[in-house]
C-alpha atoms as a PDB file:
ATOM      1  CA  MET A   1      86.339  69.415 128.211  1.00  0.00           C
ATOM      2  CA  LYS A   2      83.332  71.732 127.583  1.00  0.00           C
ATOM      3  CA  ILE A   3      83.210  74.156 125.009  1.00  0.00           C
ATOM      4  CA  ASN A   4      84.836  77.129 126.541  1.00  0.00           C
ATOM      5  CA  THR A   5      85.108  80.934 125.727  1.00  0.00           C
ATOM      6  CA  ASP A   6      88.976  80.756 125.304  1.00  0.00           C
ATOM      7  CA  GLY A   7      88.486  78.036 122.751  1.00  0.00           C
ATOM      8  CA  VAL A   8      85.694  80.045 120.383  1.00  0.00           C
ATOM      9  CA  LEU A   9      87.641  83.028 120.727  1.00  0.00           C
ATOM     10  CA  LEU A  10      90.861  81.400 119.107  1.00  0.00           C
ATOM     11  CA  GLY A  11      88.853  79.095 116.372  1.00  0.00           C
ATOM     12  CA  ALA A  12      86.945  82.477 115.261  1.00  0.00           C
ATOM     13  CA  THR A  13      90.188  84.799 115.669  1.00  0.00           C
ATOM     14  CA  ALA A  14      93.179  83.042 114.146  1.00  0.00           C
ATOM     15  CA  SER A  15      94.101  83.712 110.719  1.00  0.00           C
ATOM     16  CA  ALA A  16      96.311  83.388 107.906  1.00  0.00           C
ATOM     17  CA  GLU A  17      96.372  84.042 104.255  1.00  0.00           C
ATOM     18  CA  ASN A  18      94.332  81.507 102.523  1.00  0.00           C
ATOM     19  CA  PRO A  19      95.520  78.673 104.617  1.00  0.00           C
ATOM     20  CA  LYS A  20      95.628  75.411 102.748  1.00  0.00           C
ATOM     21  CA  THR A  21      97.249  73.622 105.624  1.00  0.00           C
ATOM     22  CA  ILE A  22      96.241  73.884 109.590  1.00  0.00           C
ATOM     23  CA  LEU A  23      97.678  72.220 112.727  1.00  0.00           C
ATOM     24  CA  ASP A  24      95.634  72.377 116.044  1.00  0.00           C
ATOM     25  CA  ILE A  25      97.742  71.251 118.903  1.00  0.00           C
ATOM     26  CA  GLY A  26      95.873  69.880 121.615  1.00  0.00           C
ATOM     27  CA  THR A  27      92.546  70.099 119.936  1.00  0.00           C
ATOM     28  CA  GLY A  28      90.609  68.677 123.178  1.00  0.00           C
ATOM     29  CA  THR A  29      86.919  67.602 121.839  1.00  0.00           C
ATOM     30  CA  GLY A  30      88.126  69.221 118.146  1.00  0.00           C
ATOM     31  CA  VAL A  31      86.141  72.264 118.612  1.00  0.00           C
ATOM     32  CA  ILE A  32      88.832  74.887 117.375  1.00  0.00           C
ATOM     33  CA  ALA A  33      89.456  72.294 114.657  1.00  0.00           C
ATOM     34  CA  LEU A  34      85.871  72.317 113.432  1.00  0.00           C
ATOM     35  CA  MET A  35      85.656  75.991 113.452  1.00  0.00           C
ATOM     36  CA  LEU A  36      88.702  76.460 111.215  1.00  0.00           C
ATOM     37  CA  ALA A  37      87.283  73.615 108.866  1.00  0.00           C
ATOM     38  CA  GLN A  38      84.352  76.019 108.744  1.00  0.00           C
ATOM     39  CA  ARG A  39      86.036  79.259 108.349  1.00  0.00           C
ATOM     40  CA  PHE A  40      88.528  77.833 105.606  1.00  0.00           C
ATOM     41  CA  PRO A  41      86.808  75.206 103.069  1.00  0.00           C
ATOM     42  CA  ASP A  42      90.244  74.615 101.066  1.00  0.00           C
ATOM     43  CA  ALA A  43      92.375  73.728 104.187  1.00  0.00           C
ATOM     44  CA  GLN A  44      93.354  70.255 105.442  1.00  0.00           C
ATOM     45  CA  ILE A  45      93.566  70.066 108.907  1.00  0.00           C
ATOM     46  CA  ASP A  46      95.807  67.959 111.507  1.00  0.00           C
ATOM     47  CA  ALA A  47      94.569  67.847 114.981  1.00  0.00           C
ATOM     48  CA  VAL A  48      96.811  66.521 117.695  1.00  0.00           C
ATOM     49  CA  GLU A  49      95.643  65.121 121.253  1.00  0.00           C
ATOM     50  CA  ILE A  50      97.197  63.101 123.862  1.00  0.00           C
ATOM     51  CA  ASP A  51      94.393  62.451 125.837  1.00  0.00           C
ATOM     52  CA  LEU A  52      92.498  59.213 124.849  1.00  0.00           C
ATOM     53  CA  PRO A  53      88.958  60.171 125.940  1.00  0.00           C
ATOM     54  CA  SER A  54      89.211  63.655 124.487  1.00  0.00           C
ATOM     55  CA  ALA A  55      90.650  62.396 121.010  1.00  0.00           C
ATOM     56  CA  ARG A  56      87.781  59.650 120.879  1.00  0.00           C
ATOM     57  CA  THR A  57      85.285  62.296 121.113  1.00  0.00           C
ATOM     58  CA  ALA A  58      87.205  64.664 119.011  1.00  0.00           C
ATOM     59  CA  GLU A  59      87.208  61.803 116.276  1.00  0.00           C
ATOM     60  CA  LYS A  60      83.838  61.158 116.714  1.00  0.00           C
ATOM     61  CA  ASN A  61      82.966  64.869 116.218  1.00  0.00           C
ATOM     62  CA  PHE A  62      84.961  65.040 113.260  1.00  0.00           C
ATOM     63  CA  ARG A  63      83.484  62.009 111.848  1.00  0.00           C
ATOM     64  CA  ASN A  64      79.917  63.655 112.151  1.00  0.00           C
ATOM     65  CA  SER A  65      80.663  66.918 110.620  1.00  0.00           C
ATOM     66  CA  ASN A  66      80.191  68.462 107.477  1.00  0.00           C
ATOM     67  CA  PHE A  67      84.134  68.342 107.089  1.00  0.00           C
ATOM     68  CA  SER A  68      85.064  64.917 108.017  1.00  0.00           C
ATOM     69  CA  GLY A  69      87.342  64.823 104.745  1.00  0.00           C
ATOM     70  CA  ARG A  70      89.339  67.501 105.796  1.00  0.00           C
ATOM     71  CA  LEU A  71      90.282  66.765 109.253  1.00  0.00           C
ATOM     72  CA  THR A  72      92.369  64.271 110.652  1.00  0.00           C
ATOM     73  CA  LEU A  73      92.901  63.254 114.414  1.00  0.00           C
ATOM     74  CA  HIS A  74      96.225  62.189 116.157  1.00  0.00           C
ATOM     75  CA  GLN A  75      96.097  60.704 119.156  1.00  0.00           C
ATOM     76  CA  THR A  76      99.760  61.282 120.384  1.00  0.00           C
ATOM     77  CA  SER A  77     101.837  63.851 121.902  1.00  0.00           C
ATOM     78  CA  ILE A  78     103.215  66.887 120.069  1.00  0.00           C
ATOM     79  CA  GLU A  79     106.778  65.503 120.240  1.00  0.00           C
ATOM     80  CA  ASP A  80     105.760  62.085 118.670  1.00  0.00           C
ATOM     81  CA  PHE A  81     103.683  63.957 115.839  1.00  0.00           C
ATOM     82  CA  TRP A  82     106.791  66.301 115.222  1.00  0.00           C
ATOM     83  CA  GLN A  83     108.535  62.973 114.413  1.00  0.00           C
ATOM     84  CA  GLN A  84     106.271  61.746 112.351  1.00  0.00           C
ATOM     85  CA  LYS A  85     105.807  65.099 110.276  1.00  0.00           C
ATOM     86  CA  LYS A  86     109.385  66.177 109.896  1.00  0.00           C
ATOM     87  CA  HIS A  87     108.967  67.576 106.389  1.00  0.00           C
ATOM     88  CA  GLN A  88     105.464  69.295 106.821  1.00  0.00           C
ATOM     89  CA  GLN A  89     104.791  72.873 106.916  1.00  0.00           C
ATOM     90  CA  TYR A  90     101.693  74.592 107.982  1.00  0.00           C
ATOM     91  CA  ASP A  91     100.232  77.739 106.907  1.00  0.00           C
ATOM     92  CA  LEU A  92      98.427  78.108 110.241  1.00  0.00           C
ATOM     93  CA  ILE A  93      98.926  76.655 113.534  1.00  0.00           C
ATOM     94  CA  VAL A  94      96.940  76.932 116.603  1.00  0.00           C
ATOM     95  CA  SER A  95      97.011  76.117 120.272  1.00  0.00           C
ATOM     96  CA  ASN A  96      94.682  76.451 123.349  1.00  0.00           C
ATOM     97  CA  PRO A  97      97.383  74.955 125.376  1.00  0.00           C
ATOM     98  CA  PRO A  98      97.904  74.096 129.093  1.00  0.00           C
ATOM     99  CA  PHE A  99      98.641  77.489 130.285  1.00  0.00           C
ATOM    100  CA  TYR A 100      98.831  77.786 134.311  1.00  0.00           C
ATOM    101  CA  LEU A 101     102.362  77.931 135.568  1.00  0.00           C
ATOM    102  CA  ASP A 102     103.632  77.900 139.092  1.00  0.00           C
ATOM    103  CA  THR A 103     100.099  77.246 140.426  1.00  0.00           C
ATOM    104  CA  LEU A 104      98.142  74.200 142.145  1.00  0.00           C
ATOM    105  CA  THR A 105      97.073  71.384 139.632  1.00  0.00           C
ATOM    106  CA  SER A 106      93.579  69.843 139.810  1.00  0.00           C
ATOM    107  CA  PRO A 107      93.254  66.508 141.518  1.00  0.00           C
ATOM    108  CA  LYS A 108      91.570  65.238 138.756  1.00  0.00           C
ATOM    109  CA  GLU A 109      94.473  63.915 136.151  1.00  0.00           C
ATOM    110  CA  ASN A 110      92.683  64.856 133.063  1.00  0.00           C
ATOM    111  CA  LYS A 111      92.187  68.455 134.185  1.00  0.00           C
ATOM    112  CA  THR A 112      95.818  68.850 135.154  1.00  0.00           C
ATOM    113  CA  LEU A 113      97.033  67.739 131.702  1.00  0.00           C
ATOM    114  CA  SER A 114      94.707  70.269 130.049  1.00  0.00           C
ATOM    115  CA  LYS A 115      95.232  73.065 131.934  1.00  0.00           C
ATOM    116  CA  HIS A 116      98.654  72.877 133.766  1.00  0.00           C
ATOM    117  CA  ALA A 117     101.958  72.898 132.184  1.00  0.00           C
ATOM    118  CA  VAL A 118     105.726  73.557 133.070  1.00  0.00           C
ATOM    119  CA  PRO A 119     108.096  76.109 131.502  1.00  0.00           C
ATOM    120  CA  GLU A 120     109.776  73.815 129.276  1.00  0.00           C
ATOM    121  CA  PHE A 121     106.508  72.925 127.715  1.00  0.00           C
ATOM    122  CA  PHE A 122     106.254  76.414 126.066  1.00  0.00           C
ATOM    123  CA  GLU A 123     110.298  76.434 125.564  1.00  0.00           C
ATOM    124  CA  ASN A 124     109.943  73.174 123.510  1.00  0.00           C
ATOM    125  CA  LEU A 125     107.016  74.484 121.357  1.00  0.00           C
ATOM    126  CA  ILE A 126     108.492  77.617 120.759  1.00  0.00           C
ATOM    127  CA  LYS A 127     111.852  76.234 119.467  1.00  0.00           C
ATOM    128  CA  THR A 128     109.963  73.761 117.521  1.00  0.00           C
ATOM    129  CA  ILE A 129     107.155  75.763 115.741  1.00  0.00           C
ATOM    130  CA  PRO A 130     109.488  77.852 113.254  1.00  0.00           C
ATOM    131  CA  LYS A 131     110.392  74.263 111.588  1.00  0.00           C
ATOM    132  CA  PHE A 132     106.885  73.668 110.865  1.00  0.00           C
ATOM    133  CA  LEU A 133     105.477  76.923 110.175  1.00  0.00           C
ATOM    134  CA  ALA A 134     105.331  78.124 106.347  1.00  0.00           C
ATOM    135  CA  SER A 135     107.117  81.271 105.497  1.00  0.00           C
ATOM    136  CA  THR A 136     104.290  83.465 105.451  1.00  0.00           C
ATOM    137  CA  GLY A 137     102.157  81.373 108.123  1.00  0.00           C
ATOM    138  CA  SER A 138     100.919  82.530 111.443  1.00  0.00           C
ATOM    139  CA  PHE A 139     101.056  80.628 115.029  1.00  0.00           C
ATOM    140  CA  TRP A 140      98.185  81.778 117.245  1.00  0.00           C
ATOM    141  CA  LEU A 141      97.825  81.229 120.972  1.00  0.00           C
ATOM    142  CA  ILE A 142      95.590  82.188 123.481  1.00  0.00           C
ATOM    143  CA  LEU A 143      96.920  82.707 127.190  1.00  0.00           C
ATOM    144  CA  PRO A 144      96.578  84.393 130.468  1.00  0.00           C
ATOM    145  CA  PRO A 145      98.663  87.513 131.220  1.00  0.00           C
ATOM    146  CA  LYS A 146     101.601  85.863 133.025  1.00  0.00           C
ATOM    147  CA  THR A 147     101.635  83.200 130.409  1.00  0.00           C
ATOM    148  CA  ALA A 148     101.565  85.514 127.626  1.00  0.00           C
ATOM    149  CA  SER A 149     104.484  86.965 128.927  1.00  0.00           C
ATOM    150  CA  VAL A 150     106.497  84.365 129.458  1.00  0.00           C
ATOM    151  CA  VAL A 151     105.889  83.077 125.975  1.00  0.00           C
ATOM    152  CA  LYS A 152     106.794  86.271 124.289  1.00  0.00           C
ATOM    153  CA  GLY A 153     110.047  86.587 126.110  1.00  0.00           C
ATOM    154  CA  LEU A 154     110.740  82.785 124.839  1.00  0.00           C
ATOM    155  CA  ALA A 155     109.661  83.826 121.061  1.00  0.00           C
ATOM    156  CA  GLN A 156     112.197  86.819 120.800  1.00  0.00           C
ATOM    157  CA  ASN A 157     115.270  84.694 118.998  1.00  0.00           C
ATOM    158  CA  SER A 158     112.996  82.667 116.756  1.00  0.00           C
ATOM    159  CA  LEU A 159     109.395  84.204 116.191  1.00  0.00           C
ATOM    160  CA  PHE A 160     108.056  87.555 115.622  1.00  0.00           C
ATOM    161  CA  LEU A 161     104.911  88.896 117.148  1.00  0.00           C
ATOM    162  CA  GLN A 162     102.740  90.200 114.927  1.00  0.00           C
ATOM    163  CA  LYS A 163      99.427  90.709 116.380  1.00  0.00           C
ATOM    164  CA  GLU A 164      98.281  90.829 120.261  1.00  0.00           C
ATOM    165  CA  ILE A 165      94.783  91.100 121.193  1.00  0.00           C
ATOM    166  CA  ALA A 166      94.063  91.776 125.064  1.00  0.00           C
ATOM    167  CA  VAL A 167      90.752  90.252 125.880  1.00  0.00           C
ATOM    168  CA  SER A 168      88.640  91.576 128.921  1.00  0.00           C
ATOM    169  CA  SER A 169      85.284  90.606 130.405  1.00  0.00           C
ATOM    170  CA  PHE A 170      83.960  94.263 130.595  1.00  0.00           C
ATOM    171  CA  ALA A 171      85.151  97.450 129.093  1.00  0.00           C
ATOM    172  CA  ASN A 172      87.035  98.595 132.572  1.00  0.00           C
ATOM    173  CA  ASP A 173      88.311  95.308 133.431  1.00  0.00           C
ATOM    174  CA  LEU A 174      92.392  94.397 132.928  1.00  0.00           C
ATOM    175  CA  PRO A 175      92.680  91.781 130.652  1.00  0.00           C
ATOM    176  CA  HIS A 176      92.692  88.058 131.330  1.00  0.00           C
ATOM    177  CA  ARG A 177      93.465  86.643 128.137  1.00  0.00           C
ATOM    178  CA  TYR A 178      95.730  87.679 125.335  1.00  0.00           C
ATOM    179  CA  LEU A 179      95.457  86.202 121.558  1.00  0.00           C
ATOM    180  CA  LEU A 180      98.904  86.265 120.197  1.00  0.00           C
ATOM    181  CA  SER A 181     100.042  85.680 116.737  1.00  0.00           C
ATOM    182  CA  PHE A 182     103.533  84.941 115.822  1.00  0.00           C
ATOM    183  CA  GLY A 183     105.401  84.771 112.287  1.00  0.00           C
ATOM    184  CA  LEU A 184     108.724  84.115 110.780  1.00  0.00           C
ATOM    185  CA  LYS A 185     108.602  87.523 109.240  1.00  0.00           C
ATOM    186  CA  GLN A 186     109.461  90.754 111.236  1.00  0.00           C
ATOM    187  CA  THR A 187     106.534  93.237 111.004  1.00  0.00           C
ATOM    188  CA  LYS A 188     104.901  96.067 113.252  1.00  0.00           C
ATOM    189  CA  THR A 189     102.877  94.281 115.910  1.00  0.00           C
ATOM    190  CA  GLU A 190      99.445  95.175 115.768  1.00  0.00           C
ATOM    191  CA  GLN A 191      97.557  95.692 119.035  1.00  0.00           C
ATOM    192  CA  ALA A 192      93.951  95.545 119.635  1.00  0.00           C
ATOM    193  CA  SER A 193      91.303  94.957 122.305  1.00  0.00           C
ATOM    194  CA  PHE A 194      88.151  92.770 122.792  1.00  0.00           C
ATOM    195  CA  ILE A 195      85.733  92.826 125.091  1.00  0.00           C
ATOM    196  CA  ILE A 196      83.142  89.766 125.774  1.00  0.00           C
ATOM    197  CA  TYR A 197      80.202  91.490 127.712  1.00  0.00           C
ATOM    198  CA  GLN A 198      78.440  94.911 127.421  1.00  0.00           C
ATOM    199  CA  ASP A 199      76.517  94.222 130.570  1.00  0.00           C
ATOM    200  CA  GLN A 200      76.241  91.291 133.118  1.00  0.00           C
ATOM    201  CA  LYS A 201      75.167  88.386 131.281  1.00  0.00           C
ATOM    202  CA  VAL A 202      74.732  90.298 128.128  1.00  0.00           C
ATOM    203  CA  TYR A 203      77.369  89.772 125.526  1.00  0.00           C
ATOM    204  CA  SER A 204      78.835  92.757 123.640  1.00  0.00           C
ATOM    205  CA  LEU A 205      78.036  93.120 120.116  1.00  0.00           C
ATOM    206  CA  ALA A 206      81.710  92.249 118.932  1.00  0.00           C
ATOM    207  CA  TYR A 207      81.448  89.001 120.778  1.00  0.00           C
ATOM    208  CA  GLN A 208      77.912  88.371 118.929  1.00  0.00           C
ATOM    209  CA  ASN A 209      79.371  89.305 115.525  1.00  0.00           C
ATOM    210  CA  LEU A 210      82.598  87.049 115.942  1.00  0.00           C
ATOM    211  CA  LEU A 211      80.436  84.146 117.095  1.00  0.00           C
ATOM    212  CA  LYS A 212      77.328  84.348 115.158  1.00  0.00           C
ATOM    213  CA  ASP A 213      78.038  81.580 112.483  1.00  0.00           C
ATOM    214  CA  PHE A 214      79.142  79.229 115.198  1.00  0.00           C
ATOM    215  CA  LEU A 215      77.047  79.719 118.035  1.00  0.00           C
ATOM    216  CA  THR A 216      73.093  79.197 118.098  1.00  0.00           C
ATOM    217  CA  ILE A 217      72.499  81.497 121.100  1.00  0.00           C
ATOM    218  CA  PHE A 218      73.254  84.290 118.412  1.00  0.00           C
END
């Protein structure tokens, strides 16, 4: 899977107060985990990926990075990972998950696995996250509008929506993604918006400033 806008937006935006332990669910080739390692130099990061080729690439990327001592790749399903880490708590949990619901799947199996999910995936995720999230921790996702609405509904009884960032391509466009941050404590939900382009093929200043420490094009 190539580096994509969703991943870098999540990697540059997700935050928690001085996180020492971070979990990246569905790390792919490890981009988000690497960005978080760069942003939070005191954090130990677990990265989970079920797809073997992606996991091997992530492990190679971790090993060749400046953060190799703080990144651990787990090539397994998230369900099996939960069983292995029953008493672990994380200050920050992030996921750029498979998010297309009720749509045609890709003919390529690995594409299907990485982008398409059944509702039960999110039900199980939302049910399990509170057991592994530290009391002041944050759980961040990036999702398209329809799936974001489903996840917010599922989270009502176990997690509190603390921040919601509507992401649009251009200023006059409707949002096509939402960055959601959940926690265990109820707070007033902070609402924000983010615009990617200021003109055709011209990134907004907000996008450039957010990613200037990660992408060599800025």
